[in-house]
Amino acid sequence: MADESELAQEVLQEVLDLGRKRGSLSLDEIGVLLQDVDISAEELESLYTTLADAGVDVIDEQVEELGDLSEEE
């Protein structure tokens, strides 16, 4: 069981590192990165809080695409 916890922590750290490097992550990207780990709702909420505290924008690509469409008009 400790191995699963360690794996989850490693993946969460990878998500944080990638977010810091890029400045933003989409919800889809986060979902893909976390798909193979079993994390609790509390851990996921903590990840989002940590990303926000680190200045990483979490974006919903669907909303962004709609914004792009309205700018073209």
PDB file of N, CA and C in Angstrom:
ATOM      1  N   MET A   1       0.819  -1.203   0.000  1.00  0.00           N
ATOM      2  CA  MET A   1       0.000   0.000   0.000  1.00  0.00           C
ATOM      3  C   MET A   1       0.857   1.259   0.000  1.00  0.00           C
ATOM      4  N   ALA A   2       2.001   1.206   0.658  1.00  0.00           N
ATOM      5  CA  ALA A   2       2.895   2.358   0.679  1.00  0.00           C
ATOM      6  C   ALA A   2       3.379   2.688  -0.727  1.00  0.00           C
ATOM      7  N   ASP A   3       3.532   1.666  -1.581  1.00  0.00           N
ATOM      8  CA  ASP A   3       3.969   1.901  -2.949  1.00  0.00           C
ATOM      9  C   ASP A   3       2.959   2.745  -3.712  1.00  0.00           C
ATOM     10  N   GLU A   4       1.670   2.476  -3.538  1.00  0.00           N
ATOM     11  CA  GLU A   4       0.635   3.263  -4.202  1.00  0.00           C
ATOM     12  C   GLU A   4       0.671   4.705  -3.723  1.00  0.00           C
ATOM     13  N   SER A   5       0.866   4.906  -2.443  1.00  0.00           N
ATOM     14  CA  SER A   5       0.936   6.251  -1.880  1.00  0.00           C
ATOM     15  C   SER A   5       2.155   6.999  -2.415  1.00  0.00           C
ATOM     16  N   GLU A   6       3.283   6.303  -2.498  1.00  0.00           N
ATOM     17  CA  GLU A   6       4.490   6.923  -3.033  1.00  0.00           C
ATOM     18  C   GLU A   6       4.309   7.277  -4.501  1.00  0.00           C
ATOM     19  N   LEU A   7       3.679   6.388  -5.262  1.00  0.00           N
ATOM     20  CA  LEU A   7       3.414   6.648  -6.675  1.00  0.00           C
ATOM     21  C   LEU A   7       2.521   7.874  -6.822  1.00  0.00           C
ATOM     22  N   ALA A   8       1.484   7.946  -6.020  1.00  0.00           N
ATOM     23  CA  ALA A   8       0.574   9.088  -6.077  1.00  0.00           C
ATOM     24  C   ALA A   8       1.326  10.381  -5.784  1.00  0.00           C
ATOM     25  N   GLN A   9       2.176  10.368  -4.768  1.00  0.00           N
ATOM     26  CA  GLN A   9       2.942  11.567  -4.435  1.00  0.00           C
ATOM     27  C   GLN A   9       3.893  11.959  -5.562  1.00  0.00           C
ATOM     28  N   GLU A  10       4.516  10.981  -6.197  1.00  0.00           N
ATOM     29  CA  GLU A  10       5.417  11.260  -7.320  1.00  0.00           C
ATOM     30  C   GLU A  10       4.649  11.886  -8.480  1.00  0.00           C
ATOM     31  N   VAL A  11       3.484  11.347  -8.783  1.00  0.00           N
ATOM     32  CA  VAL A  11       2.679  11.865  -9.889  1.00  0.00           C
ATOM     33  C   VAL A  11       2.182  13.269  -9.554  1.00  0.00           C
ATOM     34  N   LEU A  12       1.742  13.484  -8.334  1.00  0.00           N
ATOM     35  CA  LEU A  12       1.298  14.823  -7.931  1.00  0.00           C
ATOM     36  C   LEU A  12       2.439  15.826  -8.059  1.00  0.00           C
ATOM     37  N   GLN A  13       3.647  15.421  -7.690  1.00  0.00           N
ATOM     38  CA  GLN A  13       4.812  16.301  -7.815  1.00  0.00           C
ATOM     39  C   GLN A  13       5.112  16.579  -9.291  1.00  0.00           C
ATOM     40  N   GLU A  14       4.959  15.571 -10.146  1.00  0.00           N
ATOM     41  CA  GLU A  14       5.173  15.761 -11.585  1.00  0.00           C
ATOM     42  C   GLU A  14       4.174  16.769 -12.151  1.00  0.00           C
ATOM     43  N   VAL A  15       2.923  16.670 -11.728  1.00  0.00           N
ATOM     44  CA  VAL A  15       1.897  17.611 -12.180  1.00  0.00           C
ATOM     45  C   VAL A  15       2.277  19.026 -11.750  1.00  0.00           C
ATOM     46  N   LEU A  16       2.687  19.175 -10.504  1.00  0.00           N
ATOM     47  CA  LEU A  16       3.082  20.481  -9.986  1.00  0.00           C
ATOM     48  C   LEU A  16       4.290  21.024 -10.743  1.00  0.00           C
ATOM     49  N   ASP A  17       5.292  20.195 -10.964  1.00  0.00           N
ATOM     50  CA  ASP A  17       6.492  20.630 -11.688  1.00  0.00           C
ATOM     51  C   ASP A  17       6.154  21.068 -13.115  1.00  0.00           C
ATOM     52  N   LEU A  18       5.311  20.289 -13.802  1.00  0.00           N
ATOM     53  CA  LEU A  18       4.920  20.629 -15.158  1.00  0.00           C
ATOM     54  C   LEU A  18       4.134  21.941 -15.181  1.00  0.00           C
ATOM     55  N   GLY A  19       3.244  22.094 -14.227  1.00  0.00           N
ATOM     56  CA  GLY A  19       2.461  23.326 -14.137  1.00  0.00           C
ATOM     57  C   GLY A  19       3.342  24.541 -13.904  1.00  0.00           C
ATOM     58  N   ARG A  20       4.310  24.411 -13.031  1.00  0.00           N
ATOM     59  CA  ARG A  20       5.237  25.527 -12.770  1.00  0.00           C
ATOM     60  C   ARG A  20       6.038  25.866 -14.019  1.00  0.00           C
ATOM     61  N   LYS A  21       6.455  24.845 -14.741  1.00  0.00           N
ATOM     62  CA  LYS A  21       7.263  25.048 -15.951  1.00  0.00           C
ATOM     63  C   LYS A  21       6.456  25.765 -17.035  1.00  0.00           C
ATOM     64  N   ARG A  22       5.203  25.332 -17.221  1.00  0.00           N
ATOM     65  CA  ARG A  22       4.383  25.863 -18.312  1.00  0.00           C
ATOM     66  C   ARG A  22       3.542  27.063 -17.916  1.00  0.00           C
ATOM     67  N   GLY A  23       3.251  27.196 -16.630  1.00  0.00           N
ATOM     68  CA  GLY A  23       2.422  28.318 -16.175  1.00  0.00           C
ATOM     69  C   GLY A  23       0.936  28.021 -16.176  1.00  0.00           C
ATOM     70  N   SER A  24       0.544  26.939 -16.865  1.00  0.00           N
ATOM     71  CA  SER A  24      -0.871  26.552 -16.869  1.00  0.00           C
ATOM     72  C   SER A  24      -0.988  25.079 -17.250  1.00  0.00           C
ATOM     73  N   LEU A  25      -2.089  24.500 -16.829  1.00  0.00           N
ATOM     74  CA  LEU A  25      -2.446  23.128 -17.195  1.00  0.00           C
ATOM     75  C   LEU A  25      -3.944  23.103 -17.450  1.00  0.00           C
ATOM     76  N   SER A  26      -4.358  22.282 -18.389  1.00  0.00           N
ATOM     77  CA  SER A  26      -5.794  22.131 -18.617  1.00  0.00           C
ATOM     78  C   SER A  26      -6.327  21.024 -17.705  1.00  0.00           C
ATOM     79  N   LEU A  27      -7.619  21.064 -17.483  1.00  0.00           N
ATOM     80  CA  LEU A  27      -8.251  20.007 -16.692  1.00  0.00           C
ATOM     81  C   LEU A  27      -8.034  18.652 -17.342  1.00  0.00           C
ATOM     82  N   ASP A  28      -8.071  18.623 -18.680  1.00  0.00           N
ATOM     83  CA  ASP A  28      -7.853  17.366 -19.403  1.00  0.00           C
ATOM     84  C   ASP A  28      -6.440  16.845 -19.178  1.00  0.00           C
ATOM     85  N   GLU A  29      -5.446  17.735 -19.216  1.00  0.00           N
ATOM     86  CA  GLU A  29      -4.061  17.315 -18.995  1.00  0.00           C
ATOM     87  C   GLU A  29      -3.883  16.744 -17.594  1.00  0.00           C
ATOM     88  N   ILE A  30      -4.467  17.406 -16.621  1.00  0.00           N
ATOM     89  CA  ILE A  30      -4.375  16.924 -15.242  1.00  0.00           C
ATOM     90  C   ILE A  30      -5.034  15.550 -15.134  1.00  0.00           C
ATOM     91  N   GLY A  31      -6.190  15.397 -15.765  1.00  0.00           N
ATOM     92  CA  GLY A  31      -6.893  14.116 -15.748  1.00  0.00           C
ATOM     93  C   GLY A  31      -6.063  12.989 -16.341  1.00  0.00           C
ATOM     94  N   VAL A  32      -5.395  13.271 -17.456  1.00  0.00           N
ATOM     95  CA  VAL A  32      -4.554  12.259 -18.095  1.00  0.00           C
ATOM     96  C   VAL A  32      -3.383  11.898 -17.189  1.00  0.00           C
ATOM     97  N   LEU A  33      -2.755  12.896 -16.594  1.00  0.00           N
ATOM     98  CA  LEU A  33      -1.608  12.642 -15.725  1.00  0.00           C
ATOM     99  C   LEU A  33      -1.992  11.841 -14.479  1.00  0.00           C
ATOM    100  N   LEU A  34      -3.207  12.029 -14.020  1.00  0.00           N
ATOM    101  CA  LEU A  34      -3.650  11.370 -12.780  1.00  0.00           C
ATOM    102  C   LEU A  34      -4.443  10.084 -13.024  1.00  0.00           C
ATOM    103  N   GLN A  35      -4.637   9.700 -14.278  1.00  0.00           N
ATOM    104  CA  GLN A  35      -5.536   8.585 -14.571  1.00  0.00           C
ATOM    105  C   GLN A  35      -5.108   7.255 -13.961  1.00  0.00           C
ATOM    106  N   ASP A  36      -3.819   7.062 -13.761  1.00  0.00           N
ATOM    107  CA  ASP A  36      -3.348   5.772 -13.251  1.00  0.00           C
ATOM    108  C   ASP A  36      -3.096   5.760 -11.750  1.00  0.00           C
ATOM    109  N   VAL A  37      -3.444   6.854 -11.087  1.00  0.00           N
ATOM    110  CA  VAL A  37      -3.231   6.908  -9.634  1.00  0.00           C
ATOM    111  C   VAL A  37      -4.554   7.053  -8.911  1.00  0.00           C
ATOM    112  N   ASP A  38      -4.599   6.445  -7.765  1.00  0.00           N
ATOM    113  CA  ASP A  38      -5.794   6.504  -6.935  1.00  0.00           C
ATOM    114  C   ASP A  38      -5.570   7.566  -5.870  1.00  0.00           C
ATOM    115  N   ILE A  39      -6.184   8.739  -6.073  1.00  0.00           N
ATOM    116  CA  ILE A  39      -6.044   9.795  -5.072  1.00  0.00           C
ATOM    117  C   ILE A  39      -7.426  10.173  -4.558  1.00  0.00           C
ATOM    118  N   SER A  40      -7.435  10.625  -3.340  1.00  0.00           N
ATOM    119  CA  SER A  40      -8.700  10.992  -2.710  1.00  0.00           C
ATOM    120  C   SER A  40      -9.142  12.375  -3.177  1.00  0.00           C
ATOM    121  N   ALA A  41     -10.385  12.688  -2.897  1.00  0.00           N
ATOM    122  CA  ALA A  41     -10.918  14.006  -3.235  1.00  0.00           C
ATOM    123  C   ALA A  41     -10.139  15.095  -2.500  1.00  0.00           C
ATOM    124  N   GLU A  42      -9.739  14.805  -1.264  1.00  0.00           N
ATOM    125  CA  GLU A  42      -8.964  15.765  -0.481  1.00  0.00           C
ATOM    126  C   GLU A  42      -7.600  16.019  -1.120  1.00  0.00           C
ATOM    127  N   GLU A  43      -6.955  14.949  -1.617  1.00  0.00           N
ATOM    128  CA  GLU A  43      -5.655  15.104  -2.279  1.00  0.00           C
ATOM    129  C   GLU A  43      -5.797  15.904  -3.570  1.00  0.00           C
ATOM    130  N   LEU A  44      -6.879  15.670  -4.307  1.00  0.00           N
ATOM    131  CA  LEU A  44      -7.106  16.403  -5.541  1.00  0.00           C
ATOM    132  C   LEU A  44      -7.349  17.886  -5.245  1.00  0.00           C
ATOM    133  N   GLU A  45      -8.144  18.170  -4.242  1.00  0.00           N
ATOM    134  CA  GLU A  45      -8.398  19.554  -3.841  1.00  0.00           C
ATOM    135  C   GLU A  45      -7.100  20.226  -3.393  1.00  0.00           C
ATOM    136  N   SER A  46      -6.285  19.486  -2.661  1.00  0.00           N
ATOM    137  CA  SER A  46      -4.996  20.005  -2.231  1.00  0.00           C
ATOM    138  C   SER A  46      -4.097  20.307  -3.421  1.00  0.00           C
ATOM    139  N   LEU A  47      -4.134  19.451  -4.446  1.00  0.00           N
ATOM    140  CA  LEU A  47      -3.346  19.682  -5.658  1.00  0.00           C
ATOM    141  C   LEU A  47      -3.781  20.983  -6.319  1.00  0.00           C
ATOM    142  N   TYR A  48      -5.083  21.184  -6.483  1.00  0.00           N
ATOM    143  CA  TYR A  48      -5.574  22.411  -7.113  1.00  0.00           C
ATOM    144  C   TYR A  48      -5.178  23.643  -6.304  1.00  0.00           C
ATOM    145  N   THR A  49      -5.236  23.544  -4.991  1.00  0.00           N
ATOM    146  CA  THR A  49      -4.833  24.654  -4.126  1.00  0.00           C
ATOM    147  C   THR A  49      -3.342  24.936  -4.277  1.00  0.00           C
ATOM    148  N   THR A  50      -2.533  23.874  -4.292  1.00  0.00           N
ATOM    149  CA  THR A  50      -1.090  24.014  -4.448  1.00  0.00           C
ATOM    150  C   THR A  50      -0.750  24.630  -5.800  1.00  0.00           C
ATOM    151  N   LEU A  51      -1.436  24.193  -6.852  1.00  0.00           N
ATOM    152  CA  LEU A  51      -1.208  24.771  -8.172  1.00  0.00           C
ATOM    153  C   LEU A  51      -1.550  26.259  -8.174  1.00  0.00           C
ATOM    154  N   ALA A  52      -2.666  26.616  -7.582  1.00  0.00           N
ATOM    155  CA  ALA A  52      -3.063  28.030  -7.522  1.00  0.00           C
ATOM    156  C   ALA A  52      -2.041  28.842  -6.730  1.00  0.00           C
ATOM    157  N   ASP A  53      -1.590  28.309  -5.597  1.00  0.00           N
ATOM    158  CA  ASP A  53      -0.599  29.003  -4.770  1.00  0.00           C
ATOM    159  C   ASP A  53       0.723  29.189  -5.507  1.00  0.00           C
ATOM    160  N   ALA A  54       1.019  28.250  -6.433  1.00  0.00           N
ATOM    161  CA  ALA A  54       2.260  28.323  -7.204  1.00  0.00           C
ATOM    162  C   ALA A  54       2.097  29.203  -8.453  1.00  0.00           C
ATOM    163  N   GLY A  55       0.921  29.773  -8.625  1.00  0.00           N
ATOM    164  CA  GLY A  55       0.684  30.644  -9.771  1.00  0.00           C
ATOM    165  C   GLY A  55       0.381  29.906 -11.058  1.00  0.00           C
ATOM    166  N   VAL A  56      -0.018  28.646 -10.943  1.00  0.00           N
ATOM    167  CA  VAL A  56      -0.331  27.840 -12.118  1.00  0.00           C
ATOM    168  C   VAL A  56      -1.825  27.972 -12.414  1.00  0.00           C
ATOM    169  N   ASP A  57      -2.141  28.406 -13.625  1.00  0.00           N
ATOM    170  CA  ASP A  57      -3.539  28.516 -14.031  1.00  0.00           C
ATOM    171  C   ASP A  57      -4.053  27.147 -14.454  1.00  0.00           C
ATOM    172  N   VAL A  58      -5.210  26.772 -13.928  1.00  0.00           N
ATOM    173  CA  VAL A  58      -5.875  25.544 -14.353  1.00  0.00           C
ATOM    174  C   VAL A  58      -7.022  25.991 -15.237  1.00  0.00           C
ATOM    175  N   ILE A  59      -6.952  25.576 -16.502  1.00  0.00           N
ATOM    176  CA  ILE A  59      -7.919  26.070 -17.474  1.00  0.00           C
ATOM    177  C   ILE A  59      -8.804  24.943 -17.982  1.00  0.00           C
ATOM    178  N   ASP A  60     -10.005  25.315 -18.332  1.00  0.00           N
ATOM    179  CA  ASP A  60     -10.948  24.392 -18.958  1.00  0.00           C
ATOM    180  C   ASP A  60     -10.909  24.701 -20.444  1.00  0.00           C
ATOM    181  N   GLU A  61     -10.326  23.819 -21.237  1.00  0.00           N
ATOM    182  CA  GLU A  61     -10.125  24.081 -22.657  1.00  0.00           C
ATOM    183  C   GLU A  61     -11.419  24.339 -23.394  1.00  0.00           C
ATOM    184  N   GLN A  62     -12.516  23.732 -22.978  1.00  0.00           N
ATOM    185  CA  GLN A  62     -13.792  23.950 -23.656  1.00  0.00           C
ATOM    186  C   GLN A  62     -14.205  25.414 -23.522  1.00  0.00           C
ATOM    187  N   VAL A  63     -14.036  25.984 -22.344  1.00  0.00           N
ATOM    188  CA  VAL A  63     -14.371  27.385 -22.119  1.00  0.00           C
ATOM    189  C   VAL A  63     -13.447  28.264 -22.945  1.00  0.00           C
ATOM    190  N   GLU A  64     -12.164  27.927 -22.979  1.00  0.00           N
ATOM    191  CA  GLU A  64     -11.192  28.686 -23.742  1.00  0.00           C
ATOM    192  C   GLU A  64     -11.547  28.669 -25.236  1.00  0.00           C
ATOM    193  N   GLU A  65     -11.969  27.518 -25.751  1.00  0.00           N
ATOM    194  CA  GLU A  65     -12.341  27.411 -27.164  1.00  0.00           C
ATOM    195  C   GLU A  65     -13.532  28.300 -27.467  1.00  0.00           C
ATOM    196  N   LEU A  66     -14.501  28.377 -26.570  1.00  0.00           N
ATOM    197  CA  LEU A  66     -15.652  29.247 -26.770  1.00  0.00           C
ATOM    198  C   LEU A  66     -15.219  30.701 -26.791  1.00  0.00           C
ATOM    199  N   GLY A  67     -14.273  31.057 -25.919  1.00  0.00           N
ATOM    200  CA  GLY A  67     -13.742  32.418 -25.905  1.00  0.00           C
ATOM    201  C   GLY A  67     -13.058  32.752 -27.214  1.00  0.00           C
ATOM    202  N   ASP A  68     -12.322  31.823 -27.778  1.00  0.00           N
ATOM    203  CA  ASP A  68     -11.643  32.026 -29.057  1.00  0.00           C
ATOM    204  C   ASP A  68     -12.668  32.282 -30.163  1.00  0.00           C
ATOM    205  N   LEU A  69     -13.767  31.567 -30.138  1.00  0.00           N
ATOM    206  CA  LEU A  69     -14.800  31.738 -31.164  1.00  0.00           C
ATOM    207  C   LEU A  69     -15.417  33.119 -31.092  1.00  0.00           C
ATOM    208  N   SER A  70     -15.693  33.615 -29.901  1.00  0.00           N
ATOM    209  CA  SER A  70     -16.330  34.916 -29.764  1.00  0.00           C
ATOM    210  C   SER A  70     -15.375  36.040 -30.148  1.00  0.00           C
ATOM    211  N   GLU A  71     -14.080  35.844 -30.022  1.00  0.00           N
ATOM    212  CA  GLU A  71     -13.107  36.862 -30.399  1.00  0.00           C
ATOM    213  C   GLU A  71     -13.003  36.989 -31.907  1.00  0.00           C
ATOM    214  N   GLU A  72     -13.300  35.922 -32.650  1.00  0.00           N
ATOM    215  CA  GLU A  72     -13.178  35.925 -34.094  1.00  0.00           C
ATOM    216  C   GLU A  72     -14.302  36.696 -34.768  1.00  0.00           C
ATOM    217  N   GLU A  73     -15.414  36.880 -34.082  1.00  0.00           N
ATOM    218  CA  GLU A  73     -16.579  37.536 -34.684  1.00  0.00           C
ATOM    219  C   GLU A  73     -16.358  39.011 -34.892  1.00  0.00           C
TER     220      GLU A  73
END
